Structure formats: structure tokens, C-alpha cells
C-alpha atoms as a PDB file:
ATOM      1  CA  MET A   1      -0.035   0.001   0.153  1.00  0.00           C
ATOM      2  CA  LYS A   2       1.573   3.428  -0.913  1.00  0.00           C
ATOM      3  CA  ILE A   3       0.475   6.772   1.331  1.00  0.00           C
ATOM      4  CA  LEU A   4       1.510  10.723   0.280  1.00  0.00           C
ATOM      5  CA  VAL A   5       1.824  12.976   2.594  1.00  0.00           C
ATOM      6  CA  ILE A   6       1.519  16.585   1.855  1.00  0.00           C
ATOM      7  CA  GLU A   7       2.179  18.089   5.335  1.00  0.00           C
ATOM      8  CA  ASP A   8       4.740  21.169   5.462  1.00  0.00           C
ATOM      9  CA  GLU A   9       5.953  20.726   9.010  1.00  0.00           C
ATOM     10  CA  HIS A  10       9.628  18.473   8.179  1.00  0.00           C
ATOM     11  CA  LYS A  11       9.528  16.510  12.397  1.00  0.00           C
ATOM     12  CA  VAL A  12       5.426  15.905  11.382  1.00  0.00           C
ATOM     13  CA  ALA A  13       6.251  14.147   8.071  1.00  0.00           C
ATOM     14  CA  GLU A  14       8.802  12.802   8.559  1.00  0.00           C
ATOM     15  CA  ALA A  15       7.063  10.676  11.895  1.00  0.00           C
ATOM     16  CA  LEU A  16       4.520   9.726  10.124  1.00  0.00           C
ATOM     17  CA  LYS A  17       6.553   8.642   8.050  1.00  0.00           C
ATOM     18  CA  GLU A  18       9.142   6.406   9.832  1.00  0.00           C
ATOM     19  CA  GLY A  19       5.620   5.342  11.425  1.00  0.00           C
ATOM     20  CA  LEU A  20       3.714   4.580   8.717  1.00  0.00           C
ATOM     21  CA  GLU A  21       7.007   2.176   7.260  1.00  0.00           C
ATOM     22  CA  HIS A  22       7.033   0.685  10.280  1.00  0.00           C
ATOM     23  CA  GLU A  23       3.599  -1.297   9.801  1.00  0.00           C
ATOM     24  CA  SER A  24       4.820  -2.023   5.714  1.00  0.00           C
ATOM     25  CA  TYR A  25       3.500   0.775   3.977  1.00  0.00           C
ATOM     26  CA  ALA A  26       5.316   2.594   1.406  1.00  0.00           C
ATOM     27  CA  VAL A  27       5.714   6.480   2.213  1.00  0.00           C
ATOM     28  CA  ASP A  28       5.951   9.618  -0.102  1.00  0.00           C
ATOM     29  CA  ILE A  29       6.509  13.316   1.492  1.00  0.00           C
ATOM     30  CA  ALA A  30       5.656  16.378   0.003  1.00  0.00           C
ATOM     31  CA  HIS A  31       5.933  19.309   1.967  1.00  0.00           C
ATOM     32  CA  THR A  32       4.055  21.853  -0.757  1.00  0.00           C
ATOM     33  CA  GLY A  33       0.371  21.433  -2.178  1.00  0.00           C
ATOM     34  CA  GLU A  34       2.109  21.945  -5.642  1.00  0.00           C
ATOM     35  CA  ASP A  35       5.085  18.802  -5.086  1.00  0.00           C
ATOM     36  CA  GLY A  36       1.906  17.103  -3.353  1.00  0.00           C
ATOM     37  CA  PHE A  37      -0.133  17.647  -6.423  1.00  0.00           C
ATOM     38  CA  PHE A  38       2.349  16.680  -9.018  1.00  0.00           C
ATOM     39  CA  LEU A  39       3.292  13.272  -7.141  1.00  0.00           C
ATOM     40  CA  LEU A  40      -0.260  12.076  -7.085  1.00  0.00           C
ATOM     41  CA  ASN A  41      -0.554  13.180 -11.436  1.00  0.00           C
ATOM     42  CA  SER A  42       2.842  11.315 -11.525  1.00  0.00           C
ATOM     43  CA  LYS A  43       2.087   7.802  -9.528  1.00  0.00           C
ATOM     44  CA  GLN A  44       0.079   5.733  -7.973  1.00  0.00           C
ATOM     45  CA  TYR A  45      -1.578   6.137  -4.009  1.00  0.00           C
ATOM     46  CA  ASN A  46      -3.687   4.232  -2.205  1.00  0.00           C
ATOM     47  CA  LEU A  47      -4.363   6.878   0.107  1.00  0.00           C
ATOM     48  CA  LEU A  48      -3.184  10.753   0.981  1.00  0.00           C
ATOM     49  CA  LEU A  49      -3.211  11.946   4.365  1.00  0.00           C
ATOM     50  CA  LEU A  50      -3.118  15.674   4.309  1.00  0.00           C
ATOM     51  CA  ASP A  51      -2.820  19.132   6.169  1.00  0.00           C
ATOM     52  CA  LEU A  52      -4.907  21.941   5.250  1.00  0.00           C
ATOM     53  CA  MET A  53      -2.263  24.679   6.543  1.00  0.00           C
ATOM     54  CA  LEU A  54       0.158  24.435   3.371  1.00  0.00           C
ATOM     55  CA  PRO A  55       2.243  27.078   2.270  1.00  0.00           C
ATOM     56  CA  GLY A  56       1.182  28.490  -1.047  1.00  0.00           C
ATOM     57  CA  ARG A  57      -2.495  26.539  -1.718  1.00  0.00           C
ATOM     58  CA  ASP A  58      -3.556  25.208   1.480  1.00  0.00           C
ATOM     59  CA  GLY A  59      -5.150  22.004   1.659  1.00  0.00           C
ATOM     60  CA  ILE A  60      -8.795  22.382   0.609  1.00  0.00           C
ATOM     61  CA  GLU A  61      -7.641  24.066  -2.693  1.00  0.00           C
ATOM     62  CA  ILE A  62      -5.588  20.942  -2.800  1.00  0.00           C
ATOM     63  CA  LEU A  63      -8.934  18.936  -2.225  1.00  0.00           C
ATOM     64  CA  LYS A  64     -10.722  20.443  -3.949  1.00  0.00           C
ATOM     65  CA  THR A  65      -8.835  20.591  -7.114  1.00  0.00           C
ATOM     66  CA  ILE A  66      -8.360  16.484  -6.679  1.00  0.00           C
ATOM     67  CA  ARG A  67     -12.289  15.919  -6.298  1.00  0.00           C
ATOM     68  CA  ASP A  68     -12.607  18.304  -9.732  1.00  0.00           C
ATOM     69  CA  LYS A  69     -10.251  16.048 -12.030  1.00  0.00           C
ATOM     70  CA  LYS A  70     -11.782  12.715 -10.494  1.00  0.00           C
ATOM     71  CA  LEU A  71      -8.853  11.259  -9.072  1.00  0.00           C
ATOM     72  CA  ASP A  72     -11.132   8.462  -7.070  1.00  0.00           C
ATOM     73  CA  ILE A  73      -7.930   8.490  -4.022  1.00  0.00           C
ATOM     74  CA  PRO A  74      -9.388   7.735  -0.322  1.00  0.00           C
ATOM     75  CA  VAL A  75      -8.356  11.457   1.722  1.00  0.00           C
ATOM     76  CA  LEU A  76      -7.632  11.944   5.086  1.00  0.00           C
ATOM     77  CA  ILE A  77      -7.293  15.580   6.533  1.00  0.00           C
ATOM     78  CA  LEU A  78      -4.563  15.746   9.463  1.00  0.00           C
ATOM     79  CA  THR A  79      -4.691  19.612  11.109  1.00  0.00           C
ATOM     80  CA  ALA A  80      -4.515  21.609  13.828  1.00  0.00           C
ATOM     81  CA  ARG A  81      -7.820  23.612  13.469  1.00  0.00           C
ATOM     82  CA  ASP A  82     -10.513  21.536  15.627  1.00  0.00           C
ATOM     83  CA  THR A  83     -13.461  23.468  14.993  1.00  0.00           C
ATOM     84  CA  VAL A  84     -16.800  22.012  13.853  1.00  0.00           C
ATOM     85  CA  GLU A  85     -16.780  24.757  10.577  1.00  0.00           C
ATOM     86  CA  ASP A  86     -13.185  23.411   9.711  1.00  0.00           C
ATOM     87  CA  ARG A  87     -13.849  20.199  10.181  1.00  0.00           C
ATOM     88  CA  VAL A  88     -17.601  20.522   7.997  1.00  0.00           C
ATOM     89  CA  LEU A  89     -15.543  22.899   5.731  1.00  0.00           C
ATOM     90  CA  GLY A  90     -12.852  19.474   5.196  1.00  0.00           C
ATOM     91  CA  LEU A  91     -15.588  17.161   4.821  1.00  0.00           C
ATOM     92  CA  ASP A  92     -17.620  19.259   2.685  1.00  0.00           C
ATOM     93  CA  SER A  93     -14.776  19.764   0.058  1.00  0.00           C
ATOM     94  CA  GLY A  94     -14.308  16.292  -0.582  1.00  0.00           C
ATOM     95  CA  ALA A  95     -12.117  14.220   2.509  1.00  0.00           C
ATOM     96  CA  ASP A  96     -12.773  10.796   3.648  1.00  0.00           C
ATOM     97  CA  ASP A  97     -12.152  11.333   6.997  1.00  0.00           C
ATOM     98  CA  TYR A  98     -10.852  14.150   9.307  1.00  0.00           C
ATOM     99  CA  LEU A  99      -8.179  14.323  12.108  1.00  0.00           C
ATOM    100  CA  VAL A 100      -6.710  17.176  14.418  1.00  0.00           C
ATOM    101  CA  LYS A 101      -3.558  17.182  16.304  1.00  0.00           C
ATOM    102  CA  PRO A 102      -2.300  16.146  17.905  1.00  0.00           C
ATOM    103  CA  PHE A 103      -4.013  12.563  17.604  1.00  0.00           C
ATOM    104  CA  ALA A 104      -2.666   9.327  18.781  1.00  0.00           C
ATOM    105  CA  PHE A 105      -0.705   6.776  15.978  1.00  0.00           C
ATOM    106  CA  PRO A 106      -2.262   4.109  16.891  1.00  0.00           C
ATOM    107  CA  GLU A 107      -5.910   5.925  15.993  1.00  0.00           C
ATOM    108  CA  LEU A 108      -4.677   7.175  12.507  1.00  0.00           C
ATOM    109  CA  LEU A 109      -3.621   3.651  11.754  1.00  0.00           C
ATOM    110  CA  ALA A 110      -7.313   2.164  12.325  1.00  0.00           C
ATOM    111  CA  ARG A 111      -8.427   5.093  10.648  1.00  0.00           C
ATOM    112  CA  ILE A 112      -6.146   4.329   8.048  1.00  0.00           C
ATOM    113  CA  ARG A 113      -7.617   0.703   7.389  1.00  0.00           C
ATOM    114  CA  VAL A 114     -10.846   1.653   7.394  1.00  0.00           C
ATOM    115  CA  LEU A 115     -10.383   3.946   4.589  1.00  0.00           C
ATOM    116  CA  LEU A 116      -8.351   1.629   3.226  1.00  0.00           C
ATOM    117  CA  LYS A 117     -10.463  -1.568   2.925  1.00  0.00           C
ATOM    118  CA  ARG A 118     -13.449   0.741   2.171  1.00  0.00           C
ATOM    119  CA  GLY A 119     -11.456   1.661  -1.191  1.00  0.00           C
ATOM    120  CA  LYS A 120     -10.546  -1.646  -2.080  1.00  0.00           C
ATOM    121  CA  GLU A 121     -14.081  -3.106  -1.597  1.00  0.00           C
ATOM    122  CA  LYS A 122     -15.216  -0.870  -4.651  1.00  0.00           C
ATOM    123  CA  GLN A 123     -12.547  -1.915  -6.659  1.00  0.00           C
ATOM    124  CA  THR A 124     -13.266  -5.419  -7.194  1.00  0.00           C
ATOM    125  CA  SER A 125     -15.608  -8.341  -6.541  1.00  0.00           C
ATOM    126  CA  ARG A 126     -12.819 -10.443  -7.623  1.00  0.00           C
ATOM    127  CA  LEU A 127      -8.865 -11.044  -5.961  1.00  0.00           C
ATOM    128  CA  GLN A 128      -6.335 -13.007  -7.874  1.00  0.00           C
ATOM    129  CA  LEU A 129      -2.434 -14.189  -7.342  1.00  0.00           C
ATOM    130  CA  ALA A 130      -1.086 -16.246  -9.216  1.00  0.00           C
ATOM    131  CA  ASP A 131      -3.571 -19.377 -10.309  1.00  0.00           C
ATOM    132  CA  LEU A 132      -5.189 -18.663  -7.086  1.00  0.00           C
ATOM    133  CA  GLU A 133      -8.958 -16.849  -7.535  1.00  0.00           C
ATOM    134  CA  MET A 134     -11.333 -15.085  -4.641  1.00  0.00           C
ATOM    135  CA  ASP A 135     -14.743 -14.489  -5.829  1.00  0.00           C
ATOM    136  CA  LEU A 136     -15.879 -11.826  -3.035  1.00  0.00           C
ATOM    137  CA  ILE A 137     -20.071 -12.588  -4.391  1.00  0.00           C
ATOM    138  CA  LYS A 138     -19.624 -16.603  -3.970  1.00  0.00           C
ATOM    139  CA  ARG A 139     -17.546 -16.212  -1.279  1.00  0.00           C
ATOM    140  CA  LYS A 140     -15.484 -19.384  -3.811  1.00  0.00           C
ATOM    141  CA  VAL A 141     -12.023 -20.232  -3.810  1.00  0.00           C
ATOM    142  CA  LYS A 142      -9.518 -21.534  -6.283  1.00  0.00           C
ATOM    143  CA  ARG A 143      -6.281 -22.933  -7.289  1.00  0.00           C
ATOM    144  CA  SER A 144      -5.373 -24.241 -10.478  1.00  0.00           C
ATOM    145  CA  GLY A 145      -9.185 -24.388 -11.245  1.00  0.00           C
ATOM    146  CA  LYS A 146     -10.049 -26.282  -8.611  1.00  0.00           C
ATOM    147  CA  ASP A 147     -12.178 -25.131  -5.461  1.00  0.00           C
ATOM    148  CA  ILE A 148     -10.855 -24.867  -2.547  1.00  0.00           C
ATOM    149  CA  ALA A 149     -12.958 -25.455   0.579  1.00  0.00           C
ATOM    150  CA  LEU A 150     -12.416 -22.579   3.649  1.00  0.00           C
ATOM    151  CA  THR A 151     -14.119 -21.809   6.437  1.00  0.00           C
ATOM    152  CA  LEU A 152     -15.559 -18.863   7.298  1.00  0.00           C
ATOM    153  CA  ARG A 153     -12.586 -17.656   9.171  1.00  0.00           C
ATOM    154  CA  GLU A 154      -9.942 -19.338   6.410  1.00  0.00           C
ATOM    155  CA  PHE A 155     -11.794 -17.227   3.811  1.00  0.00           C
ATOM    156  CA  ASP A 156     -11.600 -13.574   5.975  1.00  0.00           C
ATOM    157  CA  LEU A 157      -7.956 -14.459   6.906  1.00  0.00           C
ATOM    158  CA  LEU A 158      -6.730 -15.813   2.825  1.00  0.00           C
ATOM    159  CA  GLU A 159      -8.837 -12.287   1.675  1.00  0.00           C
ATOM    160  CA  TYR A 160      -6.566  -9.959   3.885  1.00  0.00           C
ATOM    161  CA  LEU A 161      -3.244 -11.700   2.988  1.00  0.00           C
ATOM    162  CA  LEU A 162      -4.660 -11.691  -0.790  1.00  0.00           C
ATOM    163  CA  ARG A 163      -6.032  -7.246  -0.474  1.00  0.00           C
ATOM    164  CA  ASN A 164      -2.314  -6.999   1.394  1.00  0.00           C
ATOM    165  CA  GLN A 165      -0.281  -9.284  -1.432  1.00  0.00           C
ATOM    166  CA  ASN A 166       3.626  -8.660  -1.618  1.00  0.00           C
ATOM    167  CA  GLN A 167       3.481  -6.765   1.789  1.00  0.00           C
ATOM    168  CA  ILE A 168       4.056  -7.871   4.781  1.00  0.00           C
ATOM    169  CA  VAL A 169       1.545  -8.343   7.293  1.00  0.00           C
ATOM    170  CA  SER A 170       1.870  -8.360  10.781  1.00  0.00           C
ATOM    171  CA  ARG A 171       0.423 -11.203  13.631  1.00  0.00           C
ATOM    172  CA  GLU A 172      -0.961  -7.406  15.059  1.00  0.00           C
ATOM    173  CA  MET A 173      -2.350  -6.998  11.573  1.00  0.00           C
ATOM    174  CA  LEU A 174      -4.340  -9.981  11.572  1.00  0.00           C
ATOM    175  CA  ALA A 175      -5.552  -9.677  15.309  1.00  0.00           C
ATOM    176  CA  ALA A 176      -6.785  -6.442  14.818  1.00  0.00           C
ATOM    177  CA  ASP A 177      -7.663  -6.894  11.266  1.00  0.00           C
ATOM    178  CA  VAL A 178      -9.467 -10.183  10.929  1.00  0.00           C
ATOM    179  CA  TRP A 179      -9.982 -11.559  14.453  1.00  0.00           C
ATOM    180  CA  LYS A 180     -10.940  -7.630  15.664  1.00  0.00           C
ATOM    181  CA  GLU A 181      -9.334  -7.753  18.919  1.00  0.00           C
ATOM    182  CA  THR A 182      -7.728  -4.468  20.112  1.00  0.00           C
ATOM    183  CA  ASN A 183      -5.635  -6.258  23.349  1.00  0.00           C
ATOM    184  CA  ARG A 184      -3.203  -8.585  22.098  1.00  0.00           C
ATOM    185  CA  ALA A 185      -2.188 -11.845  23.539  1.00  0.00           C
ATOM    186  CA  THR A 186      -0.522 -14.398  23.289  1.00  0.00           C
ATOM    187  CA  PRO A 187      -3.442 -16.220  22.466  1.00  0.00           C
ATOM    188  CA  ILE A 188      -4.323 -14.470  19.678  1.00  0.00           C
ATOM    189  CA  ASP A 189      -1.168 -15.716  18.320  1.00  0.00           C
ATOM    190  CA  ASN A 190      -1.689 -19.322  18.718  1.00  0.00           C
ATOM    191  CA  LEU A 191      -5.030 -19.132  17.051  1.00  0.00           C
ATOM    192  CA  ILE A 192      -3.047 -16.900  14.140  1.00  0.00           C
ATOM    193  CA  ASP A 193      -0.718 -19.481  13.548  1.00  0.00           C
ATOM    194  CA  VAL A 194      -3.177 -21.987  13.881  1.00  0.00           C
ATOM    195  CA  HIS A 195      -5.852 -20.838  10.994  1.00  0.00           C
ATOM    196  CA  ILE A 196      -2.740 -20.273   8.851  1.00  0.00           C
ATOM    197  CA  ALA A 197      -1.026 -23.293   8.820  1.00  0.00           C
ATOM    198  CA  ARG A 198      -4.318 -24.915   8.195  1.00  0.00           C
ATOM    199  CA  MET A 199      -5.136 -23.058   5.062  1.00  0.00           C
ATOM    200  CA  ARG A 200      -1.674 -23.472   4.210  1.00  0.00           C
ATOM    201  CA  ARG A 201      -1.726 -27.047   3.371  1.00  0.00           C
ATOM    202  CA  LYS A 202      -5.343 -26.167   1.325  1.00  0.00           C
ATOM    203  CA  ILE A 203      -3.974 -23.533  -0.930  1.00  0.00           C
ATOM    204  CA  ASP A 204       0.180 -24.267  -0.807  1.00  0.00           C
ATOM    205  CA  ASP A 205       0.805 -27.799  -0.150  1.00  0.00           C
ATOM    206  CA  PRO A 206      -0.564 -29.588  -3.223  1.00  0.00           C
ATOM    207  CA  PHE A 207       0.815 -27.158  -5.113  1.00  0.00           C
ATOM    208  CA  GLU A 208       4.289 -26.225  -6.897  1.00  0.00           C
ATOM    209  CA  THR A 209       4.338 -22.767  -6.477  1.00  0.00           C
ATOM    210  CA  LYS A 210       4.519 -21.771  -2.518  1.00  0.00           C
ATOM    211  CA  LEU A 211       2.713 -18.248  -1.954  1.00  0.00           C
ATOM    212  CA  LEU A 212       1.631 -18.174   1.730  1.00  0.00           C
ATOM    213  CA  HIS A 213       5.046 -17.462   2.980  1.00  0.00           C
ATOM    214  CA  THR A 214       6.058 -16.922   7.125  1.00  0.00           C
ATOM    215  CA  VAL A 215       9.213 -14.255   7.387  1.00  0.00           C
ATOM    216  CA  ARG A 216      10.414 -15.287  10.634  1.00  0.00           C
ATOM    217  CA  GLY A 217       9.656 -12.851  14.066  1.00  0.00           C
ATOM    218  CA  VAL A 218       7.781 -10.148  11.801  1.00  0.00           C
ATOM    219  CA  GLY A 219       4.916 -12.338  10.210  1.00  0.00           C
ATOM    220  CA  PHE A 220       3.525 -13.151   6.611  1.00  0.00           C
ATOM    221  CA  ILE A 221       3.936 -12.510   3.342  1.00  0.00           C
ATOM    222  CA  PHE A 222       1.592 -13.634   0.880  1.00  0.00           C
ATOM    223  CA  SER A 223       3.407 -13.561  -2.661  1.00  0.00           C
ATOM    224  CA  GLU A 224       4.710 -15.537  -5.657  1.00  0.00           C
ATOM    225  CA  ASP A 225       8.291 -14.751  -4.356  1.00  0.00           C
ATOM    226  CA  THR A 226      10.665 -16.123  -1.767  1.00  0.00           C
ATOM    227  CA  PRO A 227      11.471 -13.236   0.797  1.00  0.00           C
END
């Protein structure tokens, strides 16, 4: 997942970049609206974190330009402006969410996950990696044309891995996003590992090319390439 941060305060921008990259997001930074808009037009991003108080064109102007040009990207405003009027203006201008500084980083991550999930759900009803296909409408999974029977939890787990393919997914992410557990403890880690093992036997063991890889001490990655 690629995130663009448009933030003129260098320390804040670097802190966001460091924190998000620690969570396995790819992050670019722009310190002006003009630079940010150039990046949006030259690269593909999954999410925009936008400050409102920017030099030159402010965040609201940038946001309106993005929506006028029909750029389909979720936008989360990060700003010190905390009045009701400011929130209404930001949302009415096309923002998907609004977070007031200072904020707790875990809350930012939770909002990012929601926006990214919402954006992906709008894009497709089918997911695929190599010869593995998932039909989200019929809730069916095939590999090399063969039907694979999964439990409800295994299906949700595989969907999450497919949506985050080629990225490292930590147990913390799986606990929060698949199991909806906010208070992590050892038992949930064990449960995750059991489900991973069961799913691997179904989607990987019978096939020559392995897709589900364990990244020791970090988590898992769903990819055709061995990490």
C-alpha cells in the first residue's frame, strides 16, 4: 500500500513516514500542495494524508482540485484546525475522514485501515494471485481451476492476505483487522498461527508454487516470490 503525505512541518512528516513504514506502508512526502499534486498525477497512491495549513495553495484548495479532476483516492485530513466549521468544510470539500492534531498514532492507523479497506471494496469483487482466485460475491476460492473449501475464518484471512499481497502482514495486523481484537495477547497469536497452518495445507501444500510465506519474527507475506 502506497501513501502520500502532504505536510509542510518536516518533523511531523518524517515522524509519520517512519511510523507508517514500520507498519509496512510505502510512503512519499511532499511539503507543499504543488509538489503533492504533482506526485498524485505522476504516481499511483492508495491513500492521501493531507494537512490543511500549507504554504501557497492550502489543503482545501488542493482537495477541491483533486475532486474536480476526479482523482479516486481516499483522503484523510490531518490538521490543527479543530472547529466544527473546519471539519464541515473539509468533509464537504471531498475528504473521507478528518483527524485533529495532536492525535494518537494507533487511531491514525485504525482510520487508515478503514479507508484502505473501503477503497479496495469499491474496486473489485474478485481477487487473484498467480493461479489462485477468490470470488468475493460467491465466496469461492480456486487454485489451478480446483475448488478449495475454506472455513469462514480462513476465507476472511485469505481475503486479507490477498488484499495485502506482496506486503508483510504482521500478527498485530491480523489480530486487529481479521479477528477484530484490539488487546493482543499470546493466545490470539497461537490462534492465528493455527489458522495460517490449516490454510497453507489447503492452498499451498498440494501445489508446486508456494504463495504463503512466513517472515520469521515479523509475520507473513502472500507472494509468488520467496522473501
